[in-house]
């Protein structure tokens, strides 16, 4: 039908680690290019994802729930689904615990 418009696709990488230069750049990448004040990822969403990852990891391992979970933005895609009048941003993150972070550095 040709009713899906691809707006943007960005991949972030620096070797095995993702790098966004600063918090402002990171904040800009977690919002829509077309409607930035309507579609954006808030700190509450990121906290929820981190909480979910910690709970999932605790069910699979004996690690402590107090272990810090770091999220790094890997990819961003933005689409306009014209048939149903919906704009979407899709973010792909890489996550790791404090212990995994030390091993990678």
Protein backbone atom coordinates (compact mmCIF):
# COMPACT_ATOMS: atom_id res chain seq x y z
CA UNK A 1 0.00 0.00 0.00
CA UNK A 2 2.96 2.33 0.44
CA UNK A 3 1.41 3.89 3.55
CA UNK A 4 4.48 3.60 5.81
CA UNK A 5 7.00 6.42 5.63
CA UNK A 6 10.50 5.74 6.91
CA UNK A 7 11.65 8.99 8.50
CA UNK A 8 14.98 8.26 10.16
CA UNK A 9 17.35 5.45 11.02
CA UNK A 10 20.49 5.96 13.10
CA UNK A 11 22.97 3.47 14.52
CA UNK A 12 25.30 4.50 17.32
CA UNK A 13 28.53 2.63 17.87
CA UNK A 14 32.13 3.08 18.79
CA UNK A 15 33.63 -0.37 18.66
CA UNK A 16 31.63 -2.50 21.05
CA UNK A 17 30.34 0.50 23.03
CA UNK A 18 27.85 3.19 22.04
CA UNK A 19 28.79 6.79 22.46
CA UNK A 20 26.56 9.83 22.54
CA UNK A 21 28.65 12.92 23.18
CA UNK A 22 26.57 14.34 26.02
CA UNK A 23 23.23 14.19 27.82
CA UNK A 24 21.68 16.80 25.51
CA UNK A 25 22.56 14.75 22.42
CA UNK A 26 21.16 11.64 24.10
CA UNK A 27 17.94 13.48 24.99
CA UNK A 28 17.59 14.70 21.39
CA UNK A 29 17.96 11.16 20.03
CA UNK A 30 15.20 9.86 22.30
CA UNK A 31 12.53 12.05 20.75
CA UNK A 32 10.75 12.27 17.42
CA UNK A 33 12.25 14.29 14.58
CA UNK A 34 8.77 15.16 13.26
CA UNK A 35 6.89 15.80 16.53
CA UNK A 36 9.57 16.11 19.27
CA UNK A 37 7.25 17.52 21.93
CA UNK A 38 4.70 14.73 21.45
CA UNK A 39 6.86 11.60 21.10
CA UNK A 40 9.82 11.27 23.44
CA UNK A 41 11.26 8.85 25.97
CA UNK A 42 11.25 10.20 29.51
CA UNK A 43 13.47 9.28 32.47
CA UNK A 44 10.49 7.38 33.92
CA UNK A 45 10.40 5.10 30.87
CA UNK A 46 14.13 4.39 31.14
CA UNK A 47 13.80 3.71 34.88
CA UNK A 48 10.97 1.24 34.15
CA UNK A 49 13.10 -0.58 31.55
CA UNK A 50 16.06 -0.77 33.96
CA UNK A 51 13.78 -2.09 36.71
CA UNK A 52 12.37 -4.74 34.36
CA UNK A 53 15.88 -5.83 33.31
CA UNK A 54 17.05 -6.07 36.94
CA UNK A 55 14.01 -8.17 37.89
CA UNK A 56 14.46 -10.42 34.87
CA UNK A 57 18.18 -10.88 35.62
CA UNK A 58 17.46 -11.64 39.28
CA UNK A 59 15.06 -14.41 38.26
CA UNK A 60 17.79 -15.98 36.10
CA UNK A 61 20.86 -15.47 38.31
CA UNK A 62 21.82 -14.99 41.92
CA UNK A 63 22.98 -11.39 41.37
CA UNK A 64 21.97 -8.63 43.73
CA UNK A 65 19.00 -6.41 42.88
CA UNK A 66 21.07 -3.38 43.90
CA UNK A 67 23.46 -3.93 40.96
CA UNK A 68 23.44 -0.92 38.63
CA UNK A 69 22.01 -1.51 35.15
CA UNK A 70 23.31 0.71 32.36
CA UNK A 71 21.38 1.31 29.14
CA UNK A 72 23.18 2.44 26.00
CA UNK A 73 21.28 3.59 22.94
CA UNK A 74 22.22 1.36 20.00
CA UNK A 75 19.72 2.26 17.24
CA UNK A 76 16.86 4.63 16.56
CA UNK A 77 14.20 4.29 13.89
CA UNK A 78 11.28 6.60 13.20
CA UNK A 79 8.25 5.79 11.07
CA UNK A 80 4.98 7.43 10.08
CA UNK A 81 2.25 4.80 9.67
CA UNK A 82 -0.08 6.86 7.52
CA UNK A 83 -2.87 4.30 7.27
CA UNK A 84 -3.58 4.52 11.01
CA UNK A 85 -2.21 8.09 11.56
CA UNK A 86 0.54 7.03 13.97
CA UNK A 87 4.13 8.29 14.27
CA UNK A 88 6.49 5.89 16.04
CA UNK A 89 10.06 5.99 17.33
CA UNK A 90 11.71 2.65 17.99
CA UNK A 91 14.80 2.61 20.19
CA UNK A 92 17.13 -0.36 20.60
CA UNK A 93 19.23 -0.43 23.77
CA UNK A 94 22.11 -2.56 24.98
CA UNK A 95 22.03 -3.21 28.71
CA UNK A 96 24.62 -4.49 31.15
CA UNK A 97 25.23 -4.57 34.87
CA UNK A 98 27.99 -2.75 36.72
CA UNK A 99 30.10 -5.92 36.74
CA UNK A 100 29.73 -6.39 32.95
CA UNK A 101 30.64 -2.73 32.40
CA UNK A 102 33.91 -3.17 34.31
CA UNK A 103 34.77 -6.22 32.19
CA UNK A 104 34.17 -4.29 28.91
CA UNK A 105 36.30 -1.31 29.93
